[in-house]
């Protein structure tokens, strides 16, 4: 039995989601139950139709861990400093393509591809709530 045909606009959305994920195409396809050959056919067809917005694929192996760094932020108008603690995370699984931001005990998980305007508004609201 043949699989249901996926419209071109949905193919484009899936390709962009894959390319923004931080994973290789192959890893993303396996996680999303899409045959890699089918995925690459979508990319080829859309590019042949003139879709130039599709970014290039990530080459090679993508590390599954990222370094955690200490960030100090001084809140405007105060002498208070929010500090993110550096911890050894080598034994904890970290989801691919996710940045974690700890502010006043709250943890904000920000996936790759997050809309920058939405992120800016969210951080602005958090700043207002902390004052």
Foldseek 3Di string as FASTA:
>chain_A
DDDDDDDLVVLVVLLVCQQQQQAFLVVSCVVVVHPSVVNVVSVVVVVVVPPPPRDDTDDDGGDQDDADDWDWDQQPPDRDIFIDDGDPCVPPGDGGQWDWDAGPNDIDIDGGPPDPVVVVVVVVVVSVVVD
